[in-house]
Amino acid sequence: ANHDLLRREGRDAGPRLAEALTAEGFVLDPVTVTRHAPGRFVFEVYPHALHVCWFELDQRIPYKRKPQWKVAGSRAGLRELQGYLRDALNAFAPELLEPLAADLAPEATDAKGRALKQLEDRLDAIACMLAALRAWRDDMRPGDVLGGGLTGYVAVPGLALDCRFGAVHPLGCRHAHEGKDAREADLRGLYQP
């Protein structure tokens, strides 16, 4: 990113936030997040990239409301995402299913207007929370980060294990393993090539 251009155009909220967090002692390099590391870490996550990687999708789930899309399509995408997030929480952090039940209930997608947008944001927050938990519990690898510190980056914990994106491991790609047990083990971060 061109930080001078962003500053001149008043679009530098992200860099200013990064500076403020660094001043408070947060580490902004996602690869420094190691298994159960003490400290304060921040990294940027793009929920669509997480979904494609974690849920083995060919493309992103179209759940974000866009002017050219019908609300029914967004609702269908939200319900699909809710199902994937329920599965991930069940495998990865089942203790969070009950507190998040209202957002994961299919009837939550019946919301309208601002409430529907708020549901989108809360589902994104659940995905980001799971990303942080997985990074802290299972480590971040260099292959889990797209981009770099000078130009910006997006972290996708688990991406380094995904052979669809160039990962090569001695025991093979996680996608080579079939069956629900292998998928659930992977969601829990137990697949260790």
C-alpha atoms as a PDB file:
ATOM      1  CA  ALA A   1       0.000   0.000   0.000  1.00  0.00           C
ATOM      2  CA  ASN A   2       1.132   3.540  -0.666  1.00  0.00           C
ATOM      3  CA  HIS A   3       0.930   4.952   2.857  1.00  0.00           C
ATOM      4  CA  ASP A   4       1.569   8.565   1.737  1.00  0.00           C
ATOM      5  CA  LEU A   5      -1.283   8.385  -0.769  1.00  0.00           C
ATOM      6  CA  LEU A   6      -3.612   6.846   1.809  1.00  0.00           C
ATOM      7  CA  ARG A   7      -2.725   9.592   4.304  1.00  0.00           C
ATOM      8  CA  ARG A   8      -3.268  12.402   1.732  1.00  0.00           C
ATOM      9  CA  GLU A   9      -6.667  10.974   0.766  1.00  0.00           C
ATOM     10  CA  GLY A  10      -7.758  10.406   4.364  1.00  0.00           C
ATOM     11  CA  ARG A  11      -7.897   6.634   3.912  1.00  0.00           C
ATOM     12  CA  ASP A  12      -5.197   5.774   6.446  1.00  0.00           C
ATOM     13  CA  ALA A  13      -7.335   4.468   9.312  1.00  0.00           C
ATOM     14  CA  GLY A  14      -5.753   1.012   8.983  1.00  0.00           C
ATOM     15  CA  PRO A  15      -2.141   2.203   9.204  1.00  0.00           C
ATOM     16  CA  ARG A  16      -3.039   4.576  12.074  1.00  0.00           C
ATOM     17  CA  LEU A  17      -4.713   1.706  13.937  1.00  0.00           C
ATOM     18  CA  ALA A  18      -1.598  -0.441  13.389  1.00  0.00           C
ATOM     19  CA  GLU A  19       0.609   2.331  14.798  1.00  0.00           C
ATOM     20  CA  ALA A  20      -1.646   2.734  17.848  1.00  0.00           C
ATOM     21  CA  LEU A  21      -1.733  -1.008  18.517  1.00  0.00           C
ATOM     22  CA  THR A  22       2.049  -1.264  18.170  1.00  0.00           C
ATOM     23  CA  ALA A  23       2.429   1.598  20.661  1.00  0.00           C
ATOM     24  CA  GLU A  24       0.296  -0.429  23.107  1.00  0.00           C
ATOM     25  CA  GLY A  25       2.583  -3.463  22.797  1.00  0.00           C
ATOM     26  CA  PHE A  26       0.745  -5.522  20.192  1.00  0.00           C
ATOM     27  CA  VAL A  27       2.814  -7.522  17.696  1.00  0.00           C
ATOM     28  CA  LEU A  28       1.523  -7.152  14.135  1.00  0.00           C
ATOM     29  CA  ASP A  29       3.563  -9.908  12.450  1.00  0.00           C
ATOM     30  CA  PRO A  30       1.207 -12.914  12.161  1.00  0.00           C
ATOM     31  CA  VAL A  31       4.023 -15.442  11.722  1.00  0.00           C
ATOM     32  CA  THR A  32       5.193 -14.676  15.269  1.00  0.00           C
ATOM     33  CA  VAL A  33       2.019 -16.269  16.637  1.00  0.00           C
ATOM     34  CA  THR A  34       3.219 -19.638  17.879  1.00  0.00           C
ATOM     35  CA  ARG A  35       1.540 -22.385  19.819  1.00  0.00           C
ATOM     36  CA  HIS A  36       0.160 -20.879  23.033  1.00  0.00           C
ATOM     37  CA  ALA A  37       2.493 -17.892  22.731  1.00  0.00           C
ATOM     38  CA  PRO A  38       2.200 -15.315  25.483  1.00  0.00           C
ATOM     39  CA  GLY A  39       1.750 -11.786  24.317  1.00  0.00           C
ATOM     40  CA  ARG A  40      -0.628  -9.597  22.366  1.00  0.00           C
ATOM     41  CA  PHE A  41      -0.956 -10.257  18.643  1.00  0.00           C
ATOM     42  CA  VAL A  42      -2.953  -8.663  15.860  1.00  0.00           C
ATOM     43  CA  PHE A  43      -3.296  -9.844  12.283  1.00  0.00           C
ATOM     44  CA  GLU A  44      -5.672  -9.067   9.474  1.00  0.00           C
ATOM     45  CA  VAL A  45      -8.055 -11.783   8.337  1.00  0.00           C
ATOM     46  CA  TYR A  46     -10.208 -11.879   5.214  1.00  0.00           C
ATOM     47  CA  PRO A  47     -13.202 -14.102   6.053  1.00  0.00           C
ATOM     48  CA  HIS A  48     -13.842 -15.166   2.432  1.00  0.00           C
ATOM     49  CA  ALA A  49     -10.302 -16.576   2.166  1.00  0.00           C
ATOM     50  CA  LEU A  50     -10.795 -18.456   5.438  1.00  0.00           C
ATOM     51  CA  HIS A  51     -14.048 -19.966   4.218  1.00  0.00           C
ATOM     52  CA  VAL A  52     -12.557 -21.162   0.922  1.00  0.00           C
ATOM     53  CA  CYS A  53      -9.572 -22.720   2.692  1.00  0.00           C
ATOM     54  CA  TRP A  54     -11.212 -24.170   5.795  1.00  0.00           C
ATOM     55  CA  PHE A  55     -14.417 -25.424   4.224  1.00  0.00           C
ATOM     56  CA  GLU A  56     -12.732 -26.691   1.035  1.00  0.00           C
ATOM     57  CA  LEU A  57     -14.809 -24.468  -1.236  1.00  0.00           C
ATOM     58  CA  ASP A  58     -14.183 -23.758  -4.905  1.00  0.00           C
ATOM     59  CA  GLN A  59     -15.314 -20.151  -4.481  1.00  0.00           C
ATOM     60  CA  ARG A  60     -16.460 -17.764  -1.809  1.00  0.00           C
ATOM     61  CA  ILE A  61     -19.924 -17.983  -0.294  1.00  0.00           C
ATOM     62  CA  PRO A  62     -22.052 -15.088  -1.643  1.00  0.00           C
ATOM     63  CA  TYR A  63     -23.556 -13.931   1.655  1.00  0.00           C
ATOM     64  CA  LYS A  64     -22.608 -10.242   1.600  1.00  0.00           C
ATOM     65  CA  ARG A  65     -25.508  -8.071   0.504  1.00  0.00           C
ATOM     66  CA  LYS A  66     -24.705  -6.239  -2.729  1.00  0.00           C
ATOM     67  CA  PRO A  67     -27.058  -3.853  -4.569  1.00  0.00           C
ATOM     68  CA  GLN A  68     -27.096  -6.098  -7.654  1.00  0.00           C
ATOM     69  CA  TRP A  69     -27.926  -9.253  -5.661  1.00  0.00           C
ATOM     70  CA  LYS A  70     -31.309 -10.319  -4.414  1.00  0.00           C
ATOM     71  CA  VAL A  71     -31.776 -10.541  -0.655  1.00  0.00           C
ATOM     72  CA  ALA A  72     -32.886 -14.170  -1.005  1.00  0.00           C
ATOM     73  CA  GLY A  73     -29.456 -15.077  -2.407  1.00  0.00           C
ATOM     74  CA  SER A  74     -27.688 -13.349   0.481  1.00  0.00           C
ATOM     75  CA  ARG A  75     -29.903 -15.166   2.967  1.00  0.00           C
ATOM     76  CA  ALA A  76     -29.137 -18.523   1.328  1.00  0.00           C
ATOM     77  CA  GLY A  77     -25.424 -17.726   1.530  1.00  0.00           C
ATOM     78  CA  LEU A  78     -25.752 -16.711   5.178  1.00  0.00           C
ATOM     79  CA  ARG A  79     -27.486 -20.006   5.993  1.00  0.00           C
ATOM     80  CA  GLU A  80     -24.734 -21.917   4.182  1.00  0.00           C
ATOM     81  CA  LEU A  81     -22.087 -20.004   6.142  1.00  0.00           C
ATOM     82  CA  GLN A  82     -23.920 -20.615   9.416  1.00  0.00           C
ATOM     83  CA  GLY A  83     -23.778 -24.365   8.751  1.00  0.00           C
ATOM     84  CA  TYR A  84     -20.039 -24.299   8.076  1.00  0.00           C
ATOM     85  CA  LEU A  85     -19.390 -22.169  11.161  1.00  0.00           C
ATOM     86  CA  ARG A  86     -21.506 -24.507  13.323  1.00  0.00           C
ATOM     87  CA  ASP A  87     -19.442 -27.469  12.058  1.00  0.00           C
ATOM     88  CA  ALA A  88     -16.176 -25.615  12.704  1.00  0.00           C
ATOM     89  CA  LEU A  89     -17.232 -24.572  16.197  1.00  0.00           C
ATOM     90  CA  ASN A  90     -18.454 -28.071  16.990  1.00  0.00           C
ATOM     91  CA  ALA A  91     -15.066 -29.502  15.978  1.00  0.00           C
ATOM     92  CA  PHE A  92     -12.816 -26.692  17.180  1.00  0.00           C
ATOM     93  CA  ALA A  93     -14.503 -24.889  20.087  1.00  0.00           C
ATOM     94  CA  PRO A  94     -17.755 -26.639  21.055  1.00  0.00           C
ATOM     95  CA  GLU A  95     -18.000 -24.620  24.266  1.00  0.00           C
ATOM     96  CA  LEU A  96     -18.851 -21.582  22.110  1.00  0.00           C
ATOM     97  CA  LEU A  97     -21.850 -23.134  20.331  1.00  0.00           C
ATOM     98  CA  GLU A  98     -24.352 -22.189  23.024  1.00  0.00           C
ATOM     99  CA  PRO A  99     -23.278 -18.536  23.438  1.00  0.00           C
ATOM    100  CA  LEU A 100     -23.343 -18.086  19.648  1.00  0.00           C
ATOM    101  CA  ALA A 101     -26.529 -20.097  19.030  1.00  0.00           C
ATOM    102  CA  ALA A 102     -28.711 -17.080  18.149  1.00  0.00           C
ATOM    103  CA  ASP A 103     -26.368 -15.974  15.342  1.00  0.00           C
ATOM    104  CA  LEU A 104     -26.043 -19.532  14.030  1.00  0.00           C
ATOM    105  CA  ALA A 105     -29.785 -20.257  13.995  1.00  0.00           C
ATOM    106  CA  PRO A 106     -31.247 -20.394  10.458  1.00  0.00           C
ATOM    107  CA  GLU A 107     -34.094 -18.047  11.474  1.00  0.00           C
ATOM    108  CA  ALA A 108     -31.521 -15.310  12.196  1.00  0.00           C
ATOM    109  CA  THR A 109     -31.243 -14.876   8.414  1.00  0.00           C
ATOM    110  CA  ASP A 110     -34.873 -13.672   8.329  1.00  0.00           C
ATOM    111  CA  ALA A 111     -33.624 -10.309   9.619  1.00  0.00           C
ATOM    112  CA  LYS A 112     -34.092  -7.257   7.427  1.00  0.00           C
ATOM    113  CA  GLY A 113     -32.086  -4.140   6.641  1.00  0.00           C
ATOM    114  CA  ARG A 114     -29.521  -3.117   9.224  1.00  0.00           C
ATOM    115  CA  ALA A 115     -30.155  -6.240  11.327  1.00  0.00           C
ATOM    116  CA  LEU A 116     -29.223  -8.465   8.367  1.00  0.00           C
ATOM    117  CA  LYS A 117     -25.996  -6.496   7.844  1.00  0.00           C
ATOM    118  CA  GLN A 118     -25.219  -6.843  11.559  1.00  0.00           C
ATOM    119  CA  LEU A 119     -25.663 -10.623  11.252  1.00  0.00           C
ATOM    120  CA  GLU A 120     -23.146 -10.659   8.365  1.00  0.00           C
ATOM    121  CA  ASP A 121     -20.696  -8.761  10.572  1.00  0.00           C
ATOM    122  CA  ARG A 122     -21.205 -11.095  13.545  1.00  0.00           C
ATOM    123  CA  LEU A 123     -20.653 -14.194  11.373  1.00  0.00           C
ATOM    124  CA  ASP A 124     -17.451 -12.580  10.056  1.00  0.00           C
ATOM    125  CA  ALA A 125     -16.443 -11.951  13.678  1.00  0.00           C
ATOM    126  CA  ILE A 126     -16.990 -15.638  14.519  1.00  0.00           C
ATOM    127  CA  ALA A 127     -14.742 -16.652  11.595  1.00  0.00           C
ATOM    128  CA  CYS A 128     -12.074 -14.165  12.713  1.00  0.00           C
ATOM    129  CA  MET A 129     -12.277 -15.404  16.303  1.00  0.00           C
ATOM    130  CA  LEU A 130     -11.783 -18.974  15.082  1.00  0.00           C
ATOM    131  CA  ALA A 131      -8.801 -17.812  13.006  1.00  0.00           C
ATOM    132  CA  ALA A 132      -7.193 -16.221  16.065  1.00  0.00           C
ATOM    133  CA  LEU A 133      -7.858 -19.305  18.178  1.00  0.00           C
ATOM    134  CA  ARG A 134      -6.435 -21.633  15.544  1.00  0.00           C
ATOM    135  CA  ALA A 135      -3.344 -19.449  15.038  1.00  0.00           C
ATOM    136  CA  TRP A 136      -2.660 -19.314  18.772  1.00  0.00           C
ATOM    137  CA  ARG A 137      -3.308 -23.017  19.291  1.00  0.00           C
ATOM    138  CA  ASP A 138      -1.642 -24.447  16.185  1.00  0.00           C
ATOM    139  CA  ASP A 139       0.946 -21.811  15.122  1.00  0.00           C
ATOM    140  CA  MET A 140       1.013 -19.587  12.089  1.00  0.00           C
ATOM    141  CA  ARG A 141       3.274 -20.721   9.270  1.00  0.00           C
ATOM    142  CA  PRO A 142       4.822 -18.438   6.643  1.00  0.00           C
ATOM    143  CA  GLY A 143       2.552 -20.126   4.072  1.00  0.00           C
ATOM    144  CA  ASP A 144      -0.482 -18.983   6.080  1.00  0.00           C
ATOM    145  CA  VAL A 145       0.207 -15.340   5.213  1.00  0.00           C
ATOM    146  CA  LEU A 146      -0.509 -13.674   1.882  1.00  0.00           C
ATOM    147  CA  GLY A 147       1.452 -10.451   1.283  1.00  0.00           C
ATOM    148  CA  GLY A 148       4.005  -8.808   3.538  1.00  0.00           C
ATOM    149  CA  GLY A 149       4.625  -6.223   6.203  1.00  0.00           C
ATOM    150  CA  LEU A 150       5.458  -3.332   3.866  1.00  0.00           C
ATOM    151  CA  THR A 151       2.559  -3.776   1.445  1.00  0.00           C
ATOM    152  CA  GLY A 152       0.024  -5.359   3.756  1.00  0.00           C
ATOM    153  CA  TYR A 153      -1.014  -8.937   4.320  1.00  0.00           C
ATOM    154  CA  VAL A 154      -3.912 -11.223   5.094  1.00  0.00           C
ATOM    155  CA  ALA A 155      -3.541 -14.195   7.418  1.00  0.00           C
ATOM    156  CA  VAL A 156      -5.322 -17.492   6.709  1.00  0.00           C
ATOM    157  CA  PRO A 157      -4.399 -19.979   9.456  1.00  0.00           C
ATOM    158  CA  GLY A 158      -4.201 -23.425   7.837  1.00  0.00           C
ATOM    159  CA  LEU A 159      -3.530 -22.174   4.297  1.00  0.00           C
ATOM    160  CA  ALA A 160      -0.019 -23.678   4.371  1.00  0.00           C
ATOM    161  CA  LEU A 161      -1.649 -27.119   4.633  1.00  0.00           C
ATOM    162  CA  ASP A 162      -3.887 -26.634   1.601  1.00  0.00           C
ATOM    163  CA  CYS A 163      -2.379 -28.235  -1.529  1.00  0.00           C
ATOM    164  CA  ARG A 164      -4.861 -26.376  -3.734  1.00  0.00           C
ATOM    165  CA  PHE A 165      -2.729 -23.311  -3.041  1.00  0.00           C
ATOM    166  CA  GLY A 166       0.690 -24.867  -3.565  1.00  0.00           C
ATOM    167  CA  ALA A 167       1.322 -26.610  -0.234  1.00  0.00           C
ATOM    168  CA  VAL A 168       3.499 -29.715  -0.498  1.00  0.00           C
ATOM    169  CA  HIS A 169       3.946 -31.967   2.523  1.00  0.00           C
ATOM    170  CA  PRO A 170       5.713 -35.308   3.063  1.00  0.00           C
ATOM    171  CA  LEU A 171       2.493 -37.009   4.135  1.00  0.00           C
ATOM    172  CA  GLY A 172       0.382 -35.385   1.463  1.00  0.00           C
ATOM    173  CA  CYS A 173      -2.259 -32.746   1.321  1.00  0.00           C
ATOM    174  CA  ARG A 174      -5.101 -32.650   3.824  1.00  0.00           C
ATOM    175  CA  HIS A 175      -7.503 -32.764   0.878  1.00  0.00           C
ATOM    176  CA  ALA A 176      -6.183 -36.177  -0.083  1.00  0.00           C
ATOM    177  CA  HIS A 177      -7.735 -37.603   3.075  1.00  0.00           C
ATOM    178  CA  GLU A 178     -11.347 -38.636   2.684  1.00  0.00           C
ATOM    179  CA  GLY A 179     -14.137 -38.893   5.180  1.00  0.00           C
ATOM    180  CA  LYS A 180     -15.832 -36.881   7.889  1.00  0.00           C
ATOM    181  CA  ASP A 181     -13.333 -37.912  10.579  1.00  0.00           C
ATOM    182  CA  ALA A 182     -10.402 -36.496   8.577  1.00  0.00           C
ATOM    183  CA  ARG A 183     -12.305 -33.259   7.907  1.00  0.00           C
ATOM    184  CA  GLU A 184     -13.278 -32.833  11.555  1.00  0.00           C
ATOM    185  CA  ALA A 185      -9.727 -33.593  12.678  1.00  0.00           C
ATOM    186  CA  ASP A 186      -8.468 -30.956  10.260  1.00  0.00           C
ATOM    187  CA  LEU A 187     -10.968 -28.373  11.530  1.00  0.00           C
ATOM    188  CA  ARG A 188      -9.661 -29.032  15.032  1.00  0.00           C
ATOM    189  CA  GLY A 189      -6.169 -28.447  13.695  1.00  0.00           C
ATOM    190  CA  LEU A 190      -5.091 -31.994  14.419  1.00  0.00           C
ATOM    191  CA  TYR A 191      -3.833 -32.779  10.939  1.00  0.00           C
ATOM    192  CA  GLN A 192      -0.073 -32.670  11.331  1.00  0.00           C
ATOM    193  CA  PRO A 193       1.779 -33.465   8.094  1.00  0.00           C
END
